[in-house]
Amino acid sequence: MGIEIERKFLVQSDAWRSEAAGTPYCQGYIAKTSGANVRVRIAAIAAF
């Protein structure tokens, strides 16, 4: 199983926001067992 690595970056200003496009999504966990869990992410096609 792969390991997820979360990275965070500090930005100087909010100037990048006008150039950025985002995709809203929902995420949740559907199973959790000893040593493993299953996360599901659903990208929005329409507004939630």
N, C-alpha and C. Protein backbone atom coordinates (compact mmCIF):
# COMPACT_ATOMS: atom_id res chain seq x y z
N MET A 1 0.85 -1.18 0.00
CA MET A 1 0.00 0.00 0.00
C MET A 1 0.89 1.24 0.00
N GLY A 2 0.50 2.24 -0.76
CA GLY A 2 1.27 3.48 -0.82
C GLY A 2 1.09 4.33 0.42
N ILE A 3 2.01 5.21 0.62
CA ILE A 3 1.97 6.14 1.74
C ILE A 3 1.62 7.52 1.20
N GLU A 4 0.64 8.16 1.81
CA GLU A 4 0.25 9.49 1.38
C GLU A 4 1.12 10.52 2.09
N ILE A 5 1.65 11.46 1.33
CA ILE A 5 2.48 12.52 1.88
C ILE A 5 1.78 13.85 1.62
N GLU A 6 1.47 14.57 2.67
CA GLU A 6 0.83 15.88 2.53
C GLU A 6 1.89 16.96 2.59
N ARG A 7 1.85 17.86 1.62
CA ARG A 7 2.81 18.95 1.59
C ARG A 7 2.07 20.27 1.66
N LYS A 8 2.63 21.21 2.38
CA LYS A 8 2.04 22.54 2.52
C LYS A 8 3.07 23.58 2.12
N PHE A 9 2.60 24.65 1.51
CA PHE A 9 3.49 25.70 1.03
C PHE A 9 2.97 27.05 1.50
N LEU A 10 3.85 27.94 1.88
CA LEU A 10 3.50 29.29 2.27
C LEU A 10 3.62 30.19 1.05
N VAL A 11 2.57 30.94 0.74
CA VAL A 11 2.60 31.83 -0.42
C VAL A 11 2.67 33.28 0.06
N GLN A 12 3.17 34.14 -0.80
CA GLN A 12 3.39 35.54 -0.45
C GLN A 12 2.10 36.36 -0.40
N SER A 13 1.14 36.06 -1.33
CA SER A 13 -0.09 36.85 -1.40
C SER A 13 -1.21 35.99 -2.00
N ASP A 14 -2.39 36.60 -2.16
CA ASP A 14 -3.52 35.91 -2.78
C ASP A 14 -3.61 36.16 -4.28
N ALA A 15 -2.58 36.71 -4.90
CA ALA A 15 -2.61 37.04 -6.32
C ALA A 15 -2.84 35.81 -7.21
N TRP A 16 -2.44 34.64 -6.77
CA TRP A 16 -2.60 33.41 -7.55
C TRP A 16 -4.07 33.00 -7.71
N ARG A 17 -4.93 33.46 -6.83
CA ARG A 17 -6.33 33.01 -6.84
C ARG A 17 -7.06 33.33 -8.15
N SER A 18 -6.77 34.46 -8.76
CA SER A 18 -7.47 34.82 -10.00
C SER A 18 -7.09 33.89 -11.15
N GLU A 19 -5.95 33.23 -11.07
CA GLU A 19 -5.50 32.32 -12.12
C GLU A 19 -5.85 30.86 -11.85
N ALA A 20 -6.31 30.56 -10.65
CA ALA A 20 -6.52 29.17 -10.25
C ALA A 20 -7.93 28.70 -10.58
N ALA A 21 -8.00 27.45 -11.00
CA ALA A 21 -9.29 26.78 -11.20
C ALA A 21 -9.36 25.64 -10.19
N GLY A 22 -10.49 25.46 -9.59
CA GLY A 22 -10.63 24.42 -8.58
C GLY A 22 -11.72 23.44 -8.94
N THR A 23 -11.71 22.32 -8.26
CA THR A 23 -12.75 21.31 -8.41
C THR A 23 -13.25 20.94 -7.03
N PRO A 24 -14.50 21.25 -6.72
CA PRO A 24 -15.03 20.85 -5.42
C PRO A 24 -15.22 19.34 -5.37
N TYR A 25 -15.03 18.75 -4.21
CA TYR A 25 -15.24 17.32 -4.07
C TYR A 25 -15.67 17.00 -2.64
N CYS A 26 -16.26 15.84 -2.50
CA CYS A 26 -16.62 15.29 -1.19
C CYS A 26 -15.68 14.14 -0.91
N GLN A 27 -15.37 13.92 0.34
CA GLN A 27 -14.52 12.79 0.68
C GLN A 27 -15.02 12.19 1.98
N GLY A 28 -14.85 10.91 2.09
CA GLY A 28 -15.24 10.21 3.30
C GLY A 28 -14.57 8.85 3.37
N TYR A 29 -14.68 8.24 4.51
CA TYR A 29 -14.11 6.92 4.73
C TYR A 29 -15.24 5.91 4.75
N ILE A 30 -15.11 4.83 3.98
CA ILE A 30 -16.17 3.83 3.93
C ILE A 30 -15.80 2.55 4.68
N ALA A 31 -14.55 2.36 5.00
CA ALA A 31 -14.15 1.17 5.74
C ALA A 31 -12.88 1.47 6.52
N LYS A 32 -12.79 0.89 7.68
CA LYS A 32 -11.58 1.04 8.48
C LYS A 32 -11.38 -0.28 9.23
N THR A 33 -10.25 -0.89 8.98
CA THR A 33 -9.92 -2.14 9.64
C THR A 33 -8.55 -2.00 10.28
N SER A 34 -8.09 -3.00 10.91
CA SER A 34 -6.78 -2.97 11.54
C SER A 34 -5.69 -2.73 10.50
N GLY A 35 -5.06 -1.58 10.57
CA GLY A 35 -3.94 -1.28 9.69
C GLY A 35 -4.31 -0.74 8.32
N ALA A 36 -5.59 -0.60 8.01
CA ALA A 36 -5.96 -0.09 6.68
C ALA A 36 -7.28 0.68 6.77
N ASN A 37 -7.44 1.65 5.88
CA ASN A 37 -8.73 2.31 5.74
C ASN A 37 -8.94 2.65 4.28
N VAL A 38 -10.20 2.87 3.91
CA VAL A 38 -10.56 3.15 2.52
C VAL A 38 -11.20 4.53 2.47
N ARG A 39 -10.57 5.41 1.71
CA ARG A 39 -11.10 6.76 1.54
C ARG A 39 -11.63 6.89 0.12
N VAL A 40 -12.78 7.54 0.00
CA VAL A 40 -13.40 7.75 -1.31
C VAL A 40 -13.52 9.25 -1.53
N ARG A 41 -13.15 9.69 -2.69
CA ARG A 41 -13.31 11.10 -3.08
C ARG A 41 -14.15 11.15 -4.34
N ILE A 42 -15.14 12.05 -4.34
CA ILE A 42 -16.01 12.22 -5.49
C ILE A 42 -15.89 13.67 -5.96
N ALA A 43 -15.40 13.85 -7.19
CA ALA A 43 -15.29 15.19 -7.76
C ALA A 43 -16.67 15.64 -8.21
N ALA A 44 -16.99 16.90 -7.98
CA ALA A 44 -18.31 17.43 -8.29
C ALA A 44 -18.48 17.65 -9.78
N ILE A 45 -19.56 17.14 -10.30
CA ILE A 45 -19.94 17.42 -11.68
C ILE A 45 -20.90 18.61 -11.66
N ALA A 46 -21.75 18.65 -10.66
CA ALA A 46 -22.66 19.77 -10.43
C ALA A 46 -22.47 20.22 -8.99
N ALA A 47 -23.08 21.32 -8.62
CA ALA A 47 -22.96 21.83 -7.27
C ALA A 47 -23.55 20.83 -6.28
N PHE A 48 -22.99 20.75 -5.10
CA PHE A 48 -23.46 19.83 -4.07
C PHE A 48 -24.75 20.32 -3.48
